[in-house]
Amino acid sequence: MFEKVVEIGLLFDFYGKLLSTKQYQSIELYYIHDLTLSEIGEQLNISRQGVYDLIKRAEVSLYKYEKTLGLVEKFENNRLKIKELKFLLEKLKELVNINDENKTIFENINLIIEQLLKNNQEVR
């Protein structure tokens, strides 16, 4: 269940604004705020079953958007490539003579990599 919560949360971050208002609210209340179906139903003024159906339709839509657009997959691939760059930079440091000029270059590259990783964390 925890994996699904994380997966839906990530899909919601990328595609949530494409959902209808009620679908958006139901996913947000259920997965982000951890409300029960009954509590959500009270807030949205619909039945518990209506909330369940709304959430299931929203989930289907989120998965469909990902299948069509693939933004989450691209995001994850980029994140892994950035981590690999960081690893390779560290290996390269071991092989290269570190003088002041090289040290500055390595520090600048590392700073850019750290900024990219931070930007990726903000999306998640």
Protein backbone atom coordinates (compact mmCIF):
# COMPACT_ATOMS: atom_id res chain seq x y z
CA MET A 1 0.00 0.00 0.00
CA PHE A 2 2.81 2.41 0.89
CA GLU A 3 4.33 2.03 -2.58
CA LYS A 4 1.00 2.92 -4.16
CA VAL A 5 0.69 6.02 -1.97
CA VAL A 6 4.13 7.19 -3.12
CA GLU A 7 3.37 6.31 -6.75
CA ILE A 8 0.02 8.12 -6.76
CA GLY A 9 1.63 11.06 -4.94
CA LEU A 10 4.26 11.38 -7.66
CA LEU A 11 1.70 11.04 -10.45
CA PHE A 12 -0.45 13.61 -8.65
CA ASP A 13 2.49 16.04 -8.49
CA PHE A 14 2.92 15.81 -12.25
CA TYR A 15 -0.63 15.41 -13.51
CA GLY A 16 -2.96 16.46 -10.69
CA LYS A 17 -3.94 19.73 -12.36
CA LEU A 18 -5.28 17.73 -15.32
CA LEU A 19 -7.92 16.08 -13.12
CA SER A 20 -11.39 17.47 -12.56
CA THR A 21 -11.79 19.61 -9.45
CA LYS A 22 -13.55 16.84 -7.50
CA GLN A 23 -11.02 14.21 -8.62
CA TYR A 24 -8.19 16.52 -7.58
CA GLN A 25 -9.78 17.15 -4.18
CA SER A 26 -10.54 13.48 -3.57
CA ILE A 27 -6.98 12.36 -4.38
CA GLU A 28 -5.50 15.17 -2.29
CA LEU A 29 -7.72 14.43 0.70
CA TYR A 30 -7.26 10.65 0.49
CA TYR A 31 -3.56 10.31 -0.34
CA ILE A 32 -2.04 13.55 0.93
CA HIS A 33 -4.20 14.32 3.97
CA ASP A 34 -5.02 10.65 4.75
CA LEU A 35 -8.75 11.20 5.26
CA THR A 36 -11.20 8.29 5.17
CA LEU A 37 -13.74 7.89 2.39
CA SER A 38 -16.50 8.94 4.80
CA GLU A 39 -14.62 12.09 5.84
CA ILE A 40 -14.00 13.01 2.22
CA GLY A 41 -17.65 12.35 1.40
CA GLU A 42 -18.71 14.78 4.11
CA GLN A 43 -16.38 17.47 2.77
CA LEU A 44 -17.39 16.96 -0.88
CA ASN A 45 -21.05 16.33 -0.04
CA ILE A 46 -21.15 12.94 -1.80
CA SER A 47 -21.57 9.36 -0.62
CA ARG A 48 -18.72 7.15 0.55
CA GLN A 49 -19.22 5.01 -2.56
CA GLY A 50 -19.15 8.15 -4.70
CA VAL A 51 -15.79 9.09 -3.19
CA TYR A 52 -14.44 5.60 -3.82
CA ASP A 53 -15.53 5.74 -7.48
CA LEU A 54 -14.13 9.24 -7.85
CA ILE A 55 -10.74 8.18 -6.48
CA LYS A 56 -10.60 5.10 -8.70
CA ARG A 57 -11.43 7.14 -11.82
CA ALA A 58 -8.81 9.71 -10.85
CA GLU A 59 -6.19 6.98 -10.37
CA VAL A 60 -7.01 5.55 -13.81
CA SER A 61 -6.62 9.02 -15.30
CA LEU A 62 -3.28 9.59 -13.59
CA TYR A 63 -1.91 6.28 -14.87
CA LYS A 64 -3.27 7.06 -18.34
CA TYR A 65 -1.55 10.45 -18.38
CA GLU A 66 1.74 8.82 -17.40
CA LYS A 67 1.36 6.14 -20.07
CA THR A 68 0.72 8.82 -22.69
CA LEU A 69 3.21 11.50 -21.58
CA GLY A 70 5.80 9.57 -19.57
CA LEU A 71 6.90 12.60 -17.53
CA VAL A 72 7.44 10.68 -14.29
CA GLU A 73 9.55 8.06 -16.05
CA LYS A 74 11.66 10.78 -17.70
CA PHE A 75 12.00 12.54 -14.35
CA GLU A 76 13.18 9.36 -12.63
CA ASN A 77 15.61 8.57 -15.46
CA ASN A 78 17.08 12.07 -15.26
CA ARG A 79 17.44 11.80 -11.49
CA LEU A 80 19.36 8.53 -11.85
CA LYS A 81 21.59 10.02 -14.56
CA ILE A 82 22.38 13.01 -12.36
CA LYS A 83 23.38 10.67 -9.51
CA GLU A 84 25.54 8.71 -11.93
CA LEU A 85 27.21 11.97 -13.03
CA LYS A 86 27.99 12.76 -9.40
CA PHE A 87 29.54 9.33 -8.94
CA LEU A 88 31.60 9.65 -12.13
CA LEU A 89 32.78 13.11 -11.11
CA GLU A 90 34.09 11.68 -7.84
CA LYS A 91 35.91 8.93 -9.75
CA LEU A 92 37.38 11.49 -12.14
CA LYS A 93 38.66 13.56 -9.21
CA GLU A 94 40.68 10.54 -8.12
CA LEU A 95 42.32 10.26 -11.56
CA VAL A 96 43.06 13.92 -12.28
CA ASN A 97 45.82 16.07 -10.84
CA ILE A 98 43.94 18.56 -8.68
CA ASN A 99 45.45 22.00 -9.02
CA ASP A 100 43.64 25.25 -8.22
CA GLU A 101 42.12 25.55 -11.70
CA ASN A 102 40.91 21.93 -11.74
CA LYS A 103 39.60 22.26 -8.20
CA THR A 104 37.42 25.21 -9.23
CA ILE A 105 36.10 23.32 -12.25
CA PHE A 106 35.24 20.27 -10.11
CA GLU A 107 33.56 22.44 -7.48
CA ASN A 108 31.47 24.20 -10.14
CA ILE A 109 30.39 20.92 -11.73
CA ASN A 110 29.55 19.51 -8.31
CA LEU A 111 27.53 22.63 -7.46
CA ILE A 112 25.49 22.26 -10.65
CA ILE A 113 24.87 18.57 -9.92
CA GLU A 114 23.75 19.40 -6.36
CA GLN A 115 21.37 22.07 -7.68
CA LEU A 116 19.88 19.59 -10.16
CA LEU A 117 19.41 16.99 -7.43
CA LYS A 118 17.80 19.60 -5.15
CA ASN A 119 15.43 20.67 -7.93
CA ASN A 120 14.42 17.04 -8.43
CA GLN A 121 13.72 16.65 -4.71
CA GLU A 122 11.45 19.70 -4.72
CA VAL A 123 9.23 18.09 -7.35
CA ARG A 124 8.84 14.93 -5.31
